[in-house]
N, C-alpha and C. Protein backbone atom coordinates (compact mmCIF):
# COMPACT_ATOMS: atom_id res chain seq x y z
N MET A 1 19.73 -6.95 -18.02
CA MET A 1 19.07 -6.40 -16.86
C MET A 1 19.46 -7.25 -15.66
N LYS A 2 19.79 -6.59 -14.59
CA LYS A 2 20.19 -7.30 -13.39
C LYS A 2 18.98 -7.66 -12.54
N ALA A 3 19.11 -8.76 -11.81
CA ALA A 3 18.01 -9.22 -10.97
C ALA A 3 17.70 -8.21 -9.88
N SER A 4 18.70 -7.52 -9.38
CA SER A 4 18.47 -6.53 -8.33
C SER A 4 17.58 -5.39 -8.83
N LYS A 5 17.73 -5.04 -10.09
CA LYS A 5 16.90 -4.01 -10.69
C LYS A 5 15.44 -4.48 -10.79
N ILE A 6 15.28 -5.75 -11.11
CA ILE A 6 13.94 -6.31 -11.25
C ILE A 6 13.25 -6.35 -9.89
N ARG A 7 14.00 -6.69 -8.85
CA ARG A 7 13.42 -6.77 -7.50
C ARG A 7 12.90 -5.42 -7.02
N GLU A 8 13.48 -4.34 -7.51
CA GLU A 8 13.07 -3.00 -7.11
C GLU A 8 11.78 -2.55 -7.79
N MET A 9 11.40 -3.23 -8.87
CA MET A 9 10.21 -2.84 -9.64
C MET A 9 8.93 -3.30 -8.95
N THR A 10 7.85 -2.61 -9.26
CA THR A 10 6.54 -3.05 -8.79
C THR A 10 6.04 -4.16 -9.71
N LYS A 11 4.97 -4.81 -9.29
CA LYS A 11 4.42 -5.91 -10.08
C LYS A 11 3.95 -5.42 -11.45
N GLU A 12 3.37 -4.24 -11.49
CA GLU A 12 2.88 -3.70 -12.77
C GLU A 12 4.05 -3.37 -13.71
N GLU A 13 5.11 -2.82 -13.15
CA GLU A 13 6.29 -2.50 -13.97
C GLU A 13 6.92 -3.77 -14.52
N ILE A 14 6.92 -4.81 -13.70
CA ILE A 14 7.48 -6.09 -14.16
C ILE A 14 6.63 -6.67 -15.28
N ALA A 15 5.32 -6.55 -15.16
CA ALA A 15 4.43 -7.06 -16.21
C ALA A 15 4.66 -6.33 -17.53
N VAL A 16 4.84 -5.02 -17.45
CA VAL A 16 5.11 -4.22 -18.65
C VAL A 16 6.46 -4.62 -19.24
N GLN A 17 7.45 -4.81 -18.38
CA GLN A 17 8.78 -5.20 -18.84
C GLN A 17 8.73 -6.56 -19.52
N LEU A 18 7.97 -7.49 -18.95
CA LEU A 18 7.85 -8.82 -19.55
C LEU A 18 7.20 -8.74 -20.93
N ALA A 19 6.17 -7.93 -21.06
CA ALA A 19 5.51 -7.76 -22.36
C ALA A 19 6.47 -7.17 -23.39
N ASP A 20 7.25 -6.18 -22.97
CA ASP A 20 8.23 -5.57 -23.87
C ASP A 20 9.30 -6.57 -24.31
N LEU A 21 9.77 -7.37 -23.35
CA LEU A 21 10.79 -8.37 -23.68
C LEU A 21 10.24 -9.43 -24.62
N ASN A 22 9.00 -9.84 -24.41
CA ASN A 22 8.38 -10.82 -25.30
C ASN A 22 8.26 -10.27 -26.72
N LYS A 23 7.86 -9.01 -26.84
CA LYS A 23 7.77 -8.38 -28.16
C LYS A 23 9.14 -8.30 -28.81
N GLU A 24 10.14 -7.91 -28.03
CA GLU A 24 11.48 -7.79 -28.58
C GLU A 24 12.00 -9.16 -29.03
N GLY A 25 11.74 -10.18 -28.22
CA GLY A 25 12.16 -11.53 -28.59
C GLY A 25 11.51 -11.99 -29.88
N TYR A 26 10.23 -11.70 -30.01
CA TYR A 26 9.52 -12.05 -31.25
C TYR A 26 10.14 -11.33 -32.45
N ASN A 27 10.36 -10.04 -32.30
CA ASN A 27 10.94 -9.26 -33.39
C ASN A 27 12.33 -9.76 -33.77
N LEU A 28 13.12 -10.14 -32.78
CA LEU A 28 14.46 -10.66 -33.07
C LEU A 28 14.39 -11.99 -33.81
N ARG A 29 13.44 -12.84 -33.42
CA ARG A 29 13.29 -14.12 -34.12
C ARG A 29 12.86 -13.91 -35.57
N VAL A 30 11.98 -12.95 -35.79
CA VAL A 30 11.53 -12.66 -37.16
C VAL A 30 12.71 -12.12 -37.98
N GLN A 31 13.48 -11.23 -37.38
CA GLN A 31 14.65 -10.69 -38.08
C GLN A 31 15.66 -11.78 -38.41
N GLN A 32 15.81 -12.73 -37.50
CA GLN A 32 16.75 -13.82 -37.74
C GLN A 32 16.30 -14.68 -38.92
N LYS A 33 15.01 -14.98 -38.96
CA LYS A 33 14.49 -15.82 -40.04
C LYS A 33 14.55 -15.14 -41.40
N THR A 34 14.42 -13.80 -41.40
CA THR A 34 14.46 -13.08 -42.67
C THR A 34 15.86 -12.63 -43.04
N GLY A 35 16.84 -12.93 -42.20
CA GLY A 35 18.22 -12.59 -42.51
C GLY A 35 18.59 -11.14 -42.24
N GLN A 36 17.80 -10.44 -41.44
CA GLN A 36 18.06 -9.03 -41.18
C GLN A 36 18.72 -8.79 -39.82
N LEU A 37 18.93 -9.84 -39.04
CA LEU A 37 19.45 -9.68 -37.69
C LEU A 37 20.93 -9.33 -37.71
N GLN A 38 21.29 -8.24 -37.04
CA GLN A 38 22.68 -7.80 -36.99
C GLN A 38 23.43 -8.43 -35.83
N ASN A 39 22.80 -8.48 -34.65
CA ASN A 39 23.46 -8.96 -33.44
C ASN A 39 22.72 -10.18 -32.92
N SER A 40 23.18 -11.37 -33.29
CA SER A 40 22.48 -12.59 -32.90
C SER A 40 22.61 -12.89 -31.41
N ALA A 41 23.59 -12.33 -30.73
CA ALA A 41 23.76 -12.55 -29.30
C ALA A 41 22.63 -11.90 -28.50
N ARG A 42 21.97 -10.93 -29.08
CA ARG A 42 20.88 -10.23 -28.38
C ARG A 42 19.72 -11.18 -28.06
N ILE A 43 19.53 -12.20 -28.90
CA ILE A 43 18.46 -13.17 -28.67
C ILE A 43 18.66 -13.86 -27.32
N ASN A 44 19.88 -14.30 -27.05
CA ASN A 44 20.16 -14.99 -25.79
C ASN A 44 20.02 -14.05 -24.60
N VAL A 45 20.40 -12.80 -24.76
CA VAL A 45 20.27 -11.83 -23.68
C VAL A 45 18.80 -11.61 -23.34
N VAL A 46 17.98 -11.49 -24.35
CA VAL A 46 16.54 -11.28 -24.14
C VAL A 46 15.91 -12.50 -23.48
N LYS A 47 16.30 -13.69 -23.92
CA LYS A 47 15.76 -14.92 -23.32
C LYS A 47 16.11 -15.01 -21.84
N LYS A 48 17.31 -14.64 -21.49
CA LYS A 48 17.72 -14.69 -20.09
C LYS A 48 17.01 -13.62 -19.27
N ASP A 49 16.79 -12.45 -19.86
CA ASP A 49 16.04 -11.40 -19.17
C ASP A 49 14.60 -11.83 -18.91
N ILE A 50 13.99 -12.48 -19.89
CA ILE A 50 12.62 -12.99 -19.72
C ILE A 50 12.60 -13.99 -18.57
N ALA A 51 13.59 -14.87 -18.52
CA ALA A 51 13.65 -15.86 -17.44
C ALA A 51 13.80 -15.18 -16.08
N ARG A 52 14.61 -14.14 -16.00
CA ARG A 52 14.79 -13.42 -14.74
C ARG A 52 13.48 -12.78 -14.28
N VAL A 53 12.78 -12.17 -15.22
CA VAL A 53 11.52 -11.51 -14.88
C VAL A 53 10.49 -12.54 -14.43
N ARG A 54 10.37 -13.64 -15.15
CA ARG A 54 9.41 -14.67 -14.77
C ARG A 54 9.74 -15.29 -13.42
N THR A 55 11.03 -15.45 -13.14
CA THR A 55 11.46 -16.00 -11.86
C THR A 55 11.05 -15.08 -10.72
N GLU A 56 11.23 -13.78 -10.90
CA GLU A 56 10.85 -12.82 -9.87
C GLU A 56 9.33 -12.81 -9.67
N LEU A 57 8.57 -12.87 -10.74
CA LEU A 57 7.11 -12.92 -10.62
C LEU A 57 6.68 -14.17 -9.87
N ARG A 58 7.29 -15.27 -10.17
CA ARG A 58 6.93 -16.53 -9.51
C ARG A 58 7.31 -16.49 -8.03
N SER A 59 8.46 -15.95 -7.70
CA SER A 59 8.88 -15.89 -6.30
C SER A 59 7.94 -14.98 -5.50
N ARG A 60 7.49 -13.90 -6.12
CA ARG A 60 6.52 -13.02 -5.44
C ARG A 60 5.19 -13.73 -5.25
N GLU A 61 4.79 -14.51 -6.24
CA GLU A 61 3.53 -15.25 -6.14
C GLU A 61 3.60 -16.27 -5.00
N LEU A 62 4.71 -16.96 -4.89
CA LEU A 62 4.88 -17.94 -3.82
C LEU A 62 4.97 -17.28 -2.45
N ALA A 63 5.59 -16.12 -2.39
CA ALA A 63 5.71 -15.40 -1.13
C ALA A 63 4.33 -14.90 -0.67
N ALA A 64 3.49 -14.55 -1.61
CA ALA A 64 2.15 -14.08 -1.26
C ALA A 64 1.29 -15.22 -0.72
N LYS A 65 1.50 -16.42 -1.20
CA LYS A 65 0.73 -17.57 -0.73
C LYS A 65 1.16 -18.01 0.66
N ALA A 66 2.42 -17.80 0.97
CA ALA A 66 2.96 -18.27 2.27
C ALA A 66 2.55 -17.37 3.41
C-alpha cells in the first residue's frame, strides 16, 4: 500500500485498515510457526504497511495538536 493512498483515507478508514493489517500479520505469524506459510515475504510487506499506517495516524495526531 502506498503512503499517498493512506493519506487519502479518513481516520476511520485508517483505523479499520490498521486492524485488518494487524489480523493479517497475526495470521501470517501463526502460519509461519505451523509451517503452512507459502509466501514468507508477505510478512515484511504487512509489517511495513502497518508502519505506514501508524506513521500517518501519528502525523495527523500531531497536526491536530498544533
